[in-house]
Protein backbone atom coordinates (compact mmCIF):
# COMPACT_ATOMS: atom_id res chain seq x y z
CA MET A 1 0.00 0.00 0.00
CA THR A 2 2.88 2.37 0.77
CA ARG A 3 4.42 1.84 -2.66
CA LEU A 4 1.05 2.46 -4.23
CA ILE A 5 0.67 5.76 -2.35
CA TRP A 6 4.12 6.90 -3.45
CA ALA A 7 3.26 5.99 -7.03
CA GLU A 8 0.12 8.12 -6.82
CA ILE A 9 2.06 11.03 -5.30
CA THR A 10 4.58 10.82 -8.15
CA ARG A 11 1.78 10.84 -10.72
CA LEU A 12 0.10 13.80 -9.01
CA LEU A 13 3.26 15.90 -8.87
CA SER A 14 4.22 15.06 -12.46
CA ARG A 15 0.95 16.35 -13.92
CA ARG A 16 1.14 19.56 -15.92
CA LEU A 17 -1.93 21.04 -14.23
CA THR A 18 -0.34 20.58 -10.81
CA GLY A 19 2.74 22.53 -11.87
CA ILE A 20 0.67 25.31 -13.45
CA ALA A 21 -1.57 25.55 -10.37
CA MET A 22 1.39 25.82 -8.01
CA ILE A 23 2.87 28.61 -10.15
CA LEU A 24 -0.47 30.45 -10.05
CA ILE A 25 -0.60 30.11 -6.26
CA LEU A 26 2.93 31.47 -5.97
CA LEU A 27 2.11 34.41 -8.25
CA GLY A 28 -1.11 35.13 -6.35
CA VAL A 29 0.61 35.08 -2.97
CA ALA A 30 3.50 37.19 -4.24
CA GLY A 31 1.12 39.66 -5.88
CA TYR A 32 -0.85 40.19 -2.70
CA GLN A 33 2.35 40.97 -0.83
CA LEU A 34 2.43 44.20 -2.84
CA VAL A 35 -0.90 45.07 -1.20
CA ILE A 36 0.56 44.19 2.21
CA ASN A 37 3.59 46.36 1.44
CA ASP A 38 1.35 49.36 0.68
CA ALA A 39 -0.77 48.72 3.78
CA LEU A 40 2.24 48.63 6.11
CA SER A 41 4.06 51.56 4.45
CA PRO A 42 3.87 54.92 6.29
CA PRO A 43 2.69 57.92 4.24
CA SER A 44 5.34 59.44 2.00
CA GLY A 45 6.51 63.02 2.35
CA GLU A 46 4.26 64.23 -0.47
CA GLU A 47 1.22 62.41 0.92
CA ARG A 48 1.85 63.83 4.39
CA ALA A 49 2.26 67.37 3.02
CA ALA A 50 -0.99 67.07 1.04
CA ALA A 51 -2.78 65.75 4.14
CA GLU A 52 -1.49 68.67 6.22
CA ARG A 53 -2.77 71.16 3.63
CA SER A 54 -6.17 69.49 3.66
CA TYR A 55 -6.17 69.57 7.45
CA GLN A 56 -5.31 73.26 7.57
CA GLN A 57 -8.12 74.09 5.14
CA ALA A 58 -10.63 71.98 7.04
CA HIS A 59 -9.59 73.55 10.35
CA GLU A 60 -9.99 77.06 8.94
CA ASP A 61 -13.46 76.20 7.62
CA TRP A 62 -14.38 74.71 10.99
CA ALA A 63 -13.19 77.76 12.91
CA ALA A 64 -14.98 80.17 10.56
CA GLY A 65 -18.38 78.47 10.44
CA ARG A 66 -18.63 76.56 13.72
CA GLU A 67 -20.45 79.19 15.79
CA GLN A 68 -22.95 80.05 13.06
CA PHE A 69 -23.77 76.40 12.41
CA GLU A 70 -24.20 75.58 16.09
CA LYS A 71 -26.48 78.63 16.58
CA GLU A 72 -28.68 77.64 13.64
CA CYS A 73 -28.76 74.07 14.88
CA ARG A 74 -29.92 75.12 18.39
CA ASP A 75 -32.50 77.50 16.94
CA SER A 76 -34.00 74.60 14.97
CA GLY A 77 -34.77 72.81 18.25
CA SER A 78 -31.97 70.22 18.21
CA LEU A 79 -30.20 69.17 21.37
CA GLN A 80 -26.98 70.91 22.45
CA ASP A 81 -24.89 67.76 22.07
CA ASP A 82 -26.21 67.16 18.54
CA CYS A 83 -25.10 70.63 17.47
CA VAL A 84 -21.45 70.32 18.46
CA ILE A 85 -19.06 69.96 15.54
CA PRO A 86 -15.85 68.20 16.63
CA GLU A 87 -12.60 69.93 15.81
CA PRO A 88 -10.71 68.28 12.91
CA THR A 89 -7.47 66.51 13.82
CA LEU A 90 -4.41 65.88 11.72
CA VAL A 91 -4.68 62.11 12.25
CA GLU A 92 -8.00 62.09 10.38
CA PHE A 93 -6.23 63.31 7.26
CA THR A 94 -2.84 61.61 7.45
CA GLY A 95 -4.09 58.22 8.62
CA ASP A 96 -2.00 55.45 10.08
CA PRO A 97 -0.49 52.37 8.41
CA THR A 98 -2.56 49.21 8.70
CA PRO A 99 -1.60 47.25 11.85
CA PHE A 100 0.52 44.18 11.20
CA LYS A 101 -2.02 41.83 12.76
CA GLU A 102 -4.83 43.04 10.52
CA ALA A 103 -2.76 42.97 7.33
CA ALA A 104 -1.26 39.53 8.00
CA SER A 105 -4.62 38.08 9.04
CA THR A 106 -6.26 39.24 5.81
CA ALA A 107 -3.37 37.86 3.77
CA LEU A 108 -3.60 34.45 5.47
CA LYS A 109 -7.36 34.21 4.91
CA LEU A 110 -7.10 35.16 1.25
CA SER A 111 -4.26 32.71 0.67
CA THR A 112 -6.33 29.97 2.34
CA LEU A 113 -9.23 30.67 -0.02
CA LEU A 114 -6.96 30.70 -3.07
CA VAL A 115 -5.13 27.48 -2.14
CA ALA A 116 -8.39 25.69 -1.23
CA LEU A 117 -9.99 26.47 -4.59
CA VAL A 118 -6.86 25.48 -6.49
CA THR A 119 -6.48 22.18 -4.62
CA PHE A 120 -10.15 21.39 -5.32
CA THR A 121 -9.40 21.77 -9.04
CA ILE A 122 -6.21 19.72 -8.82
CA ALA A 123 -7.91 16.90 -6.93
CA ALA A 124 -10.90 16.84 -9.27
CA SER A 125 -8.63 16.81 -12.30
CA PHE A 126 -6.42 14.09 -10.80
CA ILE A 127 -9.23 11.52 -10.94
CA GLY A 128 -11.39 13.16 -13.61
CA ALA A 129 -8.60 13.12 -16.19
CA GLU A 130 -8.07 9.40 -15.63
CA TYR A 131 -11.70 8.72 -16.44
CA SER A 132 -11.62 11.02 -19.49
CA SER A 133 -8.43 9.48 -20.89
CA GLY A 134 -9.31 5.92 -19.92
CA SER A 135 -6.07 5.43 -17.99
CA ILE A 136 -8.06 4.35 -14.93
CA ILE A 137 -8.81 1.08 -16.74
CA ASN A 138 -5.12 0.31 -17.17
CA TRP A 139 -4.43 1.24 -13.55
CA LEU A 140 -7.13 -1.11 -12.28
CA THR A 141 -5.77 -3.86 -14.51
CA PHE A 142 -2.41 -3.39 -12.84
CA VAL A 143 -3.93 -3.13 -9.34
CA PRO A 144 -7.31 -4.93 -9.41
CA ARG A 145 -8.23 -4.19 -5.77
CA ARG A 146 -10.24 -1.03 -6.16
CA SER A 147 -10.32 -0.11 -2.49
CA HIS A 148 -6.50 0.06 -2.45
CA VAL A 149 -6.51 2.25 -5.55
CA PHE A 150 -9.14 4.55 -4.04
CA TRP A 151 -7.40 5.02 -0.70
CA SER A 152 -3.97 5.49 -2.27
CA LYS A 153 -5.29 8.24 -4.53
CA LEU A 154 -7.23 9.92 -1.73
CA LEU A 155 -4.31 9.83 0.70
CA ALA A 156 -2.00 11.25 -1.96
CA VAL A 157 -4.43 14.13 -2.50
CA VAL A 158 -4.81 14.76 1.25
CA GLY A 159 -1.05 14.77 1.83
CA PHE A 160 -0.47 17.10 -1.12
CA ALA A 161 -3.20 19.49 0.05
CA ALA A 162 -1.92 19.59 3.62
CA LEU A 163 1.65 20.25 2.45
CA LEU A 164 0.59 22.93 -0.02
CA GLY A 165 -1.61 24.68 2.57
CA THR A 166 1.19 24.64 5.13
CA LEU A 167 3.77 25.99 2.69
CA ALA A 168 1.43 28.78 1.53
CA ALA A 169 0.62 29.87 5.10
CA THR A 170 4.32 29.80 6.04
CA LEU A 171 5.27 31.83 3.00
CA VAL A 172 2.56 34.44 3.60
CA LEU A 173 3.34 34.89 7.29
CA SER A 174 7.09 35.01 6.68
CA ALA A 175 6.70 37.61 3.93
CA SER A 176 4.42 39.70 6.16
CA LEU A 177 7.00 39.60 8.96
CA ILE A 178 9.77 40.70 6.61
CA LEU A 179 7.69 43.59 5.26
CA ALA A 180 6.78 44.65 8.81
CA ARG A 181 10.46 44.74 9.74
CA LEU A 182 11.31 46.78 6.63
CA HIS A 183 8.67 49.39 7.48
CA ASP A 184 9.30 49.33 11.27
CA SER A 185 5.71 48.26 11.85
CA PRO A 186 5.06 46.86 15.35
CA VAL A 187 4.87 43.06 15.16
CA GLU A 188 2.24 41.52 17.41
CA ALA A 189 0.07 38.43 17.83
CA VAL A 190 2.48 36.18 15.93
CA PRO A 191 1.34 32.99 17.79
CA GLU A 192 -2.29 33.90 17.06
CA LEU A 193 -1.49 34.40 13.38
CA ALA A 194 0.42 31.12 13.31
CA GLY A 195 -2.67 29.41 14.72
CA LEU A 196 -4.73 31.03 11.97
CA GLY A 197 -2.32 29.62 9.40
CA VAL A 198 -2.53 26.13 10.91
CA ARG A 199 -6.34 26.21 10.95
CA GLY A 200 -6.25 27.43 7.35
CA VAL A 201 -4.84 24.05 6.32
CA LEU A 202 -8.13 22.37 7.32
CA PRO A 203 -10.28 24.05 4.62
CA VAL A 204 -7.60 23.25 2.04
CA VAL A 205 -7.77 19.55 2.94
CA VAL A 206 -11.59 19.64 3.03
CA LEU A 207 -11.83 21.16 -0.46
CA ALA A 208 -9.24 18.72 -1.80
CA VAL A 209 -11.19 15.70 -0.52
CA LEU A 210 -14.45 17.11 -1.88
CA GLY A 211 -12.80 17.83 -5.23
CA PHE A 212 -11.49 14.28 -5.50
CA CYS A 213 -14.82 12.69 -4.56
CA VAL A 214 -16.91 14.96 -6.78
CA GLY A 215 -14.51 14.40 -9.67
CA LEU A 216 -14.82 10.65 -9.14
CA LEU A 217 -18.62 10.82 -9.09
CA THR A 218 -18.94 13.07 -12.13
CA ARG A 219 -16.03 11.40 -13.99
CA HIS A 220 -14.99 14.76 -15.36
CA THR A 221 -13.04 17.78 -14.11
CA ALA A 222 -15.48 20.24 -15.66
CA GLY A 223 -18.39 18.59 -13.90
CA ALA A 224 -16.72 18.96 -10.50
CA ILE A 225 -15.81 22.60 -11.15
CA GLY A 226 -19.38 23.28 -12.28
CA ILE A 227 -20.75 21.91 -9.01
CA LEU A 228 -18.26 24.02 -7.04
CA LEU A 229 -19.28 27.18 -8.90
CA ALA A 230 -22.97 26.42 -8.31
CA VAL A 231 -22.36 26.06 -4.57
CA LEU A 232 -20.37 29.31 -4.49
CA VAL A 233 -23.14 31.17 -6.31
CA VAL A 234 -25.74 29.90 -3.83
CA CYS A 235 -23.53 30.93 -0.90
CA PHE A 236 -23.00 34.43 -2.32
CA ILE A 237 -26.73 34.86 -2.93
CA ARG A 238 -27.52 33.80 0.64
CA ILE A 239 -24.93 36.18 2.09
CA GLY A 240 -25.70 39.06 -0.29
CA ALA A 241 -29.14 39.24 -1.87
CA LEU A 242 -30.81 37.29 0.96
CA SER A 243 -28.92 38.95 3.81
CA SER A 244 -32.13 40.62 5.02
CA GLN A 245 -34.07 37.34 5.12
CA SER A 246 -34.02 35.80 8.59
CA TRP A 247 -34.55 32.24 7.34
CA ALA A 248 -31.51 32.53 5.04
CA GLN A 249 -29.30 33.57 7.96
CA ARG A 250 -30.69 31.07 10.47
CA ILE A 251 -29.42 28.18 8.35
CA THR A 252 -25.83 29.47 8.60
CA PRO A 253 -24.77 26.68 11.06
CA TRP A 254 -25.67 24.12 8.37
CA THR A 255 -24.04 25.82 5.40
CA PRO A 256 -20.59 25.02 3.97
CA ASP A 257 -19.39 28.64 4.02
CA GLY A 258 -20.40 29.21 7.64
CA ASN A 259 -18.53 26.13 8.84
CA ILE A 260 -15.49 26.87 6.68
CA ALA A 261 -15.34 30.32 8.28
CA ALA A 262 -15.65 28.68 11.72
CA LEU A 263 -12.60 26.54 10.97
CA ILE A 264 -10.51 29.49 9.83
CA ASP A 265 -11.55 32.09 12.42
CA ARG A 266 -11.88 29.68 15.35
CA GLY A 267 -15.58 30.44 15.38
CA TYR A 268 -17.86 32.49 13.14
CA THR A 269 -20.31 35.17 14.24
CA TYR A 270 -23.31 36.01 12.07
CA ALA A 271 -26.38 38.24 12.45
CA VAL A 272 -30.01 37.23 12.02
CA PRO A 273 -32.49 40.04 11.23
CA VAL A 274 -35.53 39.78 13.50
CA GLU A 275 -38.63 41.92 13.13
CA LYS A 276 -40.06 43.40 16.34
CA VAL A 277 -43.25 45.39 16.78
CA THR A 278 -42.76 48.65 18.70
CA ARG A 279 -44.88 51.71 19.32
CA GLU A 280 -43.30 53.40 16.33
CA GLY A 281 -44.01 50.42 14.08
CA VAL A 282 -42.06 47.39 12.91
CA ALA A 283 -38.33 47.56 13.60
CA VAL A 284 -35.63 45.16 12.42
CA GLU A 285 -33.12 44.10 15.04
CA LEU A 286 -29.95 42.14 14.31
CA VAL A 287 -29.47 39.24 16.71
CA GLU A 288 -25.94 37.82 16.75
CA SER A 289 -25.30 34.09 16.85
CA ALA A 290 -22.15 32.05 16.45
CA VAL A 291 -20.87 28.85 14.86
CA SER A 292 -18.14 27.39 17.07
CA LEU A 293 -14.92 25.74 15.95
CA THR A 294 -16.14 22.45 17.43
CA HIS A 295 -19.34 22.70 15.41
CA GLY A 296 -17.31 23.27 12.25
CA LEU A 297 -15.06 20.28 12.95
CA VAL A 298 -18.01 17.96 13.63
CA TYR A 299 -19.91 19.27 10.60
CA TRP A 300 -17.09 18.66 8.17
CA SER A 301 -16.12 15.34 9.76
CA ILE A 302 -19.63 14.03 9.11
CA ILE A 303 -19.81 15.49 5.59
CA LEU A 304 -16.42 14.09 4.58
CA ALA A 305 -17.16 10.67 6.09
CA LEU A 306 -20.42 10.42 4.12
CA VAL A 307 -18.87 11.68 0.89
CA ILE A 308 -15.82 9.40 1.14
CA MET A 309 -17.81 6.28 1.99
CA GLY A 310 -20.32 7.00 -0.75
CA SER A 311 -17.56 7.59 -3.30
CA LEU A 312 -15.78 4.39 -2.26
CA LEU A 313 -18.92 2.29 -2.62
CA ILE A 314 -19.64 3.72 -6.05
CA PHE A 315 -16.03 3.30 -7.16
CA ARG A 316 -16.00 -0.33 -6.09
CA HIS A 317 -19.23 -1.29 -7.84
CA ARG A 318 -19.57 1.04 -10.83
CA ASP A 319 -18.23 0.21 -14.24
CA VAL A 320 -15.27 2.47 -15.04
CA ILE A 321 -15.88 2.46 -18.80
């Protein structure tokens, strides 16, 4: 079985799509570091001078029109506190560089999403291409025990996904640390960010397993990608167009996106709009709920167990031609 796994790993790494996908991941991660560099960079001399000019103009306007505005506001019947215009400050115009924790956290989450989607495609193509080309028939002739073939392929995909997710998280965090040092940005919460990177490997493995199983069931890479896109569209509609519908938000604990977010963020908080009748009429109040990390782990453990067992049963009994 060990030799069979190594053979599958060799075949996976030797595929052209795998090499292209890894290059795309590297380019995507490197490209986003330019965004991190801009976020951590302090304002340049020209930007600071322009901000100071804007501040001076705003302060002059505030000093010239403050008393008249406040008088007109009080005369209109508004409260004293509502009529006070705060004095502009220079910080409002110059701004501060993005904190290291915020910039690195965003980079890690985006890299997790990118790597997860790419590994789904790689895993789906790994088995889907064998069905399309017919090479799966030759492989089963060489190794007739289908369960061994299935587990060797799946374990090769899982190992590849875990390694790729770990390398991407390490690269992103290391690059963020280097950029922070270059710009003298205070470095904080490194253990917390490292934990975020470790948890980010879980969604990568989940998407890889799902990609492999869906590719096996559909027998084609395009079919698996089509199903993934359909799920993503449904998730975006639920989060976007249906964000004001309480029923669409109450099902968050049972949705893939909610539980993926719980794995990455160590828990996911969402808001459910609830209508309440008041004396002024019907008011909408947002009630916060949460999906815990434990819930996400149990959810995906059950989903993956069902998908893997179902795929194995079909692979063992379905004709490969």
